Amino acid sequence: MATRTALVAVASALSCLYPVVPVLVGLTFLRERPGRTQAAGLVLALAACALIVVP
């Protein structure tokens, strides 16, 4: 659907943030503290998203 409406950049940005969403939900609603692996995953996912979105 995104390719038909020329919103591929928005769709790719949202899809690359998918691994971050469960961690953020755990942080905000469940008051969990992220471990080293989760923190590294957050940083890597955000870095990957920046590399995908920025031309």
PDB file of N, CA and C in Angstrom:
ATOM      1  N   MET A   1       0.819  -1.178   0.000  1.00  0.00           N
ATOM      2  CA  MET A   1       0.000   0.000   0.000  1.00  0.00           C
ATOM      3  C   MET A   1       0.875   1.258   0.000  1.00  0.00           C
ATOM      4  N   ALA A   2       1.985   1.217   0.728  1.00  0.00           N
ATOM      5  CA  ALA A   2       2.856   2.389   0.784  1.00  0.00           C
ATOM      6  C   ALA A   2       3.490   2.687  -0.571  1.00  0.00           C
ATOM      7  N   THR A   3       3.758   1.642  -1.344  1.00  0.00           N
ATOM      8  CA  THR A   3       4.371   1.887  -2.644  1.00  0.00           C
ATOM      9  C   THR A   3       3.397   2.525  -3.623  1.00  0.00           C
ATOM     10  N   ARG A   4       2.129   2.275  -3.440  1.00  0.00           N
ATOM     11  CA  ARG A   4       1.129   2.896  -4.318  1.00  0.00           C
ATOM     12  C   ARG A   4       0.916   4.365  -3.993  1.00  0.00           C
ATOM     13  N   THR A   5       1.113   4.744  -2.739  1.00  0.00           N
ATOM     14  CA  THR A   5       0.875   6.136  -2.351  1.00  0.00           C
ATOM     15  C   THR A   5       2.174   6.916  -2.150  1.00  0.00           C
ATOM     16  N   ALA A   6       3.306   6.353  -2.543  1.00  0.00           N
ATOM     17  CA  ALA A   6       4.620   7.005  -2.488  1.00  0.00           C
ATOM     18  C   ALA A   6       5.039   7.358  -1.061  1.00  0.00           C
ATOM     19  N   LEU A   7       4.662   6.532  -0.094  1.00  0.00           N
ATOM     20  CA  LEU A   7       5.065   6.757   1.286  1.00  0.00           C
ATOM     21  C   LEU A   7       6.027   5.667   1.760  1.00  0.00           C
ATOM     22  N   VAL A   8       6.902   5.259   0.890  1.00  0.00           N
ATOM     23  CA  VAL A   8       7.827   4.179   1.214  1.00  0.00           C
ATOM     24  C   VAL A   8       8.794   4.602   2.319  1.00  0.00           C
ATOM     25  N   ALA A   9       9.228   5.845   2.308  1.00  0.00           N
ATOM     26  CA  ALA A   9      10.158   6.322   3.336  1.00  0.00           C
ATOM     27  C   ALA A   9       9.518   6.276   4.715  1.00  0.00           C
ATOM     28  N   VAL A  10       8.266   6.660   4.805  1.00  0.00           N
ATOM     29  CA  VAL A  10       7.565   6.629   6.088  1.00  0.00           C
ATOM     30  C   VAL A  10       7.351   5.187   6.538  1.00  0.00           C
ATOM     31  N   ALA A  11       6.979   4.330   5.621  1.00  0.00           N
ATOM     32  CA  ALA A  11       6.765   2.927   5.964  1.00  0.00           C
ATOM     33  C   ALA A  11       8.055   2.251   6.408  1.00  0.00           C
ATOM     34  N   SER A  12       9.164   2.574   5.759  1.00  0.00           N
ATOM     35  CA  SER A  12      10.426   1.956   6.161  1.00  0.00           C
ATOM     36  C   SER A  12      10.893   2.486   7.512  1.00  0.00           C
ATOM     37  N   ALA A  13      10.642   3.757   7.787  1.00  0.00           N
ATOM     38  CA  ALA A  13      11.018   4.311   9.092  1.00  0.00           C
ATOM     39  C   ALA A  13      10.213   3.668  10.211  1.00  0.00           C
ATOM     40  N   LEU A  14       8.932   3.480   9.997  1.00  0.00           N
ATOM     41  CA  LEU A  14       8.091   2.866  11.022  1.00  0.00           C
ATOM     42  C   LEU A  14       8.409   1.386  11.202  1.00  0.00           C
ATOM     43  N   SER A  15       8.716   0.704  10.118  1.00  0.00           N
ATOM     44  CA  SER A  15       8.997  -0.727  10.237  1.00  0.00           C
ATOM     45  C   SER A  15      10.342  -0.985  10.895  1.00  0.00           C
ATOM     46  N   CYS A  16      11.303  -0.079  10.742  1.00  0.00           N
ATOM     47  CA  CYS A  16      12.594  -0.320  11.388  1.00  0.00           C
ATOM     48  C   CYS A  16      12.528  -0.029  12.886  1.00  0.00           C
ATOM     49  N   LEU A  17      11.507   0.679  13.335  1.00  0.00           N
ATOM     50  CA  LEU A  17      11.339   0.936  14.759  1.00  0.00           C
ATOM     51  C   LEU A  17      10.557  -0.166  15.475  1.00  0.00           C
ATOM     52  N   TYR A  18      10.147  -1.190  14.749  1.00  0.00           N
ATOM     53  CA  TYR A  18       9.354  -2.264  15.341  1.00  0.00           C
ATOM     54  C   TYR A  18      10.029  -2.933  16.538  1.00  0.00           C
ATOM     55  N   PRO A  19      11.333  -3.204  16.533  1.00  0.00           N
ATOM     56  CA  PRO A  19      11.951  -3.838  17.715  1.00  0.00           C
ATOM     57  C   PRO A  19      11.995  -2.926  18.934  1.00  0.00           C
ATOM     58  N   VAL A  20      11.882  -1.633  18.741  1.00  0.00           N
ATOM     59  CA  VAL A  20      11.978  -0.680  19.842  1.00  0.00           C
ATOM     60  C   VAL A  20      10.667  -0.602  20.624  1.00  0.00           C
ATOM     61  N   VAL A  21       9.563  -0.838  19.976  1.00  0.00           N
ATOM     62  CA  VAL A  21       8.245  -0.655  20.591  1.00  0.00           C
ATOM     63  C   VAL A  21       8.032  -1.534  21.823  1.00  0.00           C
ATOM     64  N   PRO A  22       8.295  -2.840  21.796  1.00  0.00           N
ATOM     65  CA  PRO A  22       8.078  -3.638  23.014  1.00  0.00           C
ATOM     66  C   PRO A  22       8.949  -3.205  24.183  1.00  0.00           C
ATOM     67  N   VAL A  23      10.158  -2.775  23.901  1.00  0.00           N
ATOM     68  CA  VAL A  23      11.043  -2.324  24.972  1.00  0.00           C
ATOM     69  C   VAL A  23      10.516  -1.023  25.577  1.00  0.00           C
ATOM     70  N   LEU A  24      10.064  -0.102  24.741  1.00  0.00           N
ATOM     71  CA  LEU A  24       9.513   1.154  25.250  1.00  0.00           C
ATOM     72  C   LEU A  24       8.234   0.934  26.043  1.00  0.00           C
ATOM     73  N   VAL A  25       7.414  -0.009  25.631  1.00  0.00           N
ATOM     74  CA  VAL A  25       6.197  -0.328  26.381  1.00  0.00           C
ATOM     75  C   VAL A  25       6.569  -0.888  27.751  1.00  0.00           C
ATOM     76  N   GLY A  26       7.567  -1.753  27.785  1.00  0.00           N
ATOM     77  CA  GLY A  26       8.022  -2.293  29.063  1.00  0.00           C
ATOM     78  C   GLY A  26       8.596  -1.221  29.972  1.00  0.00           C
ATOM     79  N   LEU A  27       9.300  -0.271  29.387  1.00  0.00           N
ATOM     80  CA  LEU A  27       9.881   0.812  30.182  1.00  0.00           C
ATOM     81  C   LEU A  27       8.818   1.738  30.756  1.00  0.00           C
ATOM     82  N   THR A  28       7.844   2.097  29.943  1.00  0.00           N
ATOM     83  CA  THR A  28       6.864   3.087  30.392  1.00  0.00           C
ATOM     84  C   THR A  28       5.747   2.488  31.238  1.00  0.00           C
ATOM     85  N   PHE A  29       5.153   1.414  30.804  1.00  0.00           N
ATOM     86  CA  PHE A  29       3.979   0.890  31.494  1.00  0.00           C
ATOM     87  C   PHE A  29       4.316  -0.117  32.591  1.00  0.00           C
ATOM     88  N   LEU A  30       5.327  -0.918  32.374  1.00  0.00           N
ATOM     89  CA  LEU A  30       5.665  -1.968  33.338  1.00  0.00           C
ATOM     90  C   LEU A  30       6.816  -1.579  34.259  1.00  0.00           C
ATOM     91  N   ARG A  31       7.389  -0.404  34.037  1.00  0.00           N
ATOM     92  CA  ARG A  31       8.488   0.117  34.856  1.00  0.00           C
ATOM     93  C   ARG A  31       9.676  -0.843  34.906  1.00  0.00           C
ATOM     94  N   GLU A  32       9.950  -1.485  33.783  1.00  0.00           N
ATOM     95  CA  GLU A  32      11.089  -2.389  33.701  1.00  0.00           C
ATOM     96  C   GLU A  32      12.357  -1.591  33.453  1.00  0.00           C
ATOM     97  N   ARG A  33      13.469  -2.153  33.871  1.00  0.00           N
ATOM     98  CA  ARG A  33      14.759  -1.538  33.587  1.00  0.00           C
ATOM     99  C   ARG A  33      15.428  -2.358  32.493  1.00  0.00           C
ATOM    100  N   PRO A  34      15.901  -1.699  31.444  1.00  0.00           N
ATOM    101  CA  PRO A  34      16.524  -2.457  30.349  1.00  0.00           C
ATOM    102  C   PRO A  34      17.881  -3.010  30.750  1.00  0.00           C
ATOM    103  N   GLY A  35      18.142  -4.220  30.306  1.00  0.00           N
ATOM    104  CA  GLY A  35      19.452  -4.825  30.524  1.00  0.00           C
ATOM    105  C   GLY A  35      20.434  -4.329  29.474  1.00  0.00           C
ATOM    106  N   ARG A  36      21.640  -4.822  29.551  1.00  0.00           N
ATOM    107  CA  ARG A  36      22.652  -4.410  28.578  1.00  0.00           C
ATOM    108  C   ARG A  36      22.274  -4.816  27.167  1.00  0.00           C
ATOM    109  N   THR A  37      21.735  -6.007  27.029  1.00  0.00           N
ATOM    110  CA  THR A  37      21.358  -6.489  25.704  1.00  0.00           C
ATOM    111  C   THR A  37      20.240  -5.641  25.117  1.00  0.00           C
ATOM    112  N   GLN A  38      19.230  -5.315  25.927  1.00  0.00           N
ATOM    113  CA  GLN A  38      18.131  -4.481  25.442  1.00  0.00           C
ATOM    114  C   GLN A  38      18.609  -3.075  25.119  1.00  0.00           C
ATOM    115  N   ALA A  39      19.466  -2.514  25.930  1.00  0.00           N
ATOM    116  CA  ALA A  39      19.982  -1.172  25.661  1.00  0.00           C
ATOM    117  C   ALA A  39      20.806  -1.160  24.374  1.00  0.00           C
ATOM    118  N   ALA A  40      21.620  -2.182  24.179  1.00  0.00           N
ATOM    119  CA  ALA A  40      22.396  -2.279  22.941  1.00  0.00           C
ATOM    120  C   ALA A  40      21.468  -2.459  21.742  1.00  0.00           C
ATOM    121  N   GLY A  41      20.422  -3.243  21.910  1.00  0.00           N
ATOM    122  CA  GLY A  41      19.452  -3.427  20.834  1.00  0.00           C
ATOM    123  C   GLY A  41      18.737  -2.142  20.482  1.00  0.00           C
ATOM    124  N   LEU A  42      18.386  -1.357  21.489  1.00  0.00           N
ATOM    125  CA  LEU A  42      17.750  -0.059  21.230  1.00  0.00           C
ATOM    126  C   LEU A  42      18.671   0.863  20.440  1.00  0.00           C
ATOM    127  N   VAL A  43      19.914   0.929  20.869  1.00  0.00           N
ATOM    128  CA  VAL A  43      20.874   1.794  20.181  1.00  0.00           C
ATOM    129  C   VAL A  43      21.094   1.336  18.747  1.00  0.00           C
ATOM    130  N   LEU A  44      21.249   0.031  18.552  1.00  0.00           N
ATOM    131  CA  LEU A  44      21.458  -0.496  17.209  1.00  0.00           C
ATOM    132  C   LEU A  44      20.236  -0.312  16.315  1.00  0.00           C
ATOM    133  N   ALA A  45      19.041  -0.494  16.871  1.00  0.00           N
ATOM    134  CA  ALA A  45      17.824  -0.307  16.082  1.00  0.00           C
ATOM    135  C   ALA A  45      17.656   1.149  15.673  1.00  0.00           C
ATOM    136  N   LEU A  46      17.945   2.071  16.577  1.00  0.00           N
ATOM    137  CA  LEU A  46      17.848   3.484  16.239  1.00  0.00           C
ATOM    138  C   LEU A  46      18.909   3.898  15.225  1.00  0.00           C
ATOM    139  N   ALA A  47      20.098   3.340  15.360  1.00  0.00           N
ATOM    140  CA  ALA A  47      21.152   3.630  14.386  1.00  0.00           C
ATOM    141  C   ALA A  47      20.793   3.078  13.007  1.00  0.00           C
ATOM    142  N   ALA A  48      20.242   1.873  12.988  1.00  0.00           N
ATOM    143  CA  ALA A  48      19.818   1.288  11.712  1.00  0.00           C
ATOM    144  C   ALA A  48      18.694   2.104  11.078  1.00  0.00           C
ATOM    145  N   CYS A  49      17.785   2.571  11.892  1.00  0.00           N
ATOM    146  CA  CYS A  49      16.695   3.389  11.372  1.00  0.00           C
ATOM    147  C   CYS A  49      17.239   4.694  10.792  1.00  0.00           C
ATOM    148  N   ALA A  50      18.206   5.280  11.460  1.00  0.00           N
ATOM    149  CA  ALA A  50      18.807   6.510  10.941  1.00  0.00           C
ATOM    150  C   ALA A  50      19.522   6.256   9.624  1.00  0.00           C
ATOM    151  N   LEU A  51      20.176   5.115   9.505  1.00  0.00           N
ATOM    152  CA  LEU A  51      20.873   4.790   8.259  1.00  0.00           C
ATOM    153  C   LEU A  51      19.888   4.506   7.123  1.00  0.00           C
ATOM    154  N   ILE A  52      18.731   3.950   7.449  1.00  0.00           N
ATOM    155  CA  ILE A  52      17.737   3.644   6.419  1.00  0.00           C
ATOM    156  C   ILE A  52      17.042   4.930   5.939  1.00  0.00           C
ATOM    157  N   VAL A  53      16.701   5.793   6.865  1.00  0.00           N
ATOM    158  CA  VAL A  53      15.884   6.958   6.533  1.00  0.00           C
ATOM    159  C   VAL A  53      16.702   8.069   5.894  1.00  0.00           C
ATOM    160  N   VAL A  54      17.887   8.330   6.410  1.00  0.00           N
ATOM    161  CA  VAL A  54      18.695   9.431   5.889  1.00  0.00           C
ATOM    162  C   VAL A  54      19.342   8.990   4.584  1.00  0.00           C
ATOM    163  N   PRO A  55      19.105   9.738   3.512  1.00  0.00           N
ATOM    164  CA  PRO A  55      19.671   9.329   2.219  1.00  0.00           C
ATOM    165  C   PRO A  55      21.152   9.581   2.118  1.00  0.00           C
TER     166      PRO A  55
END
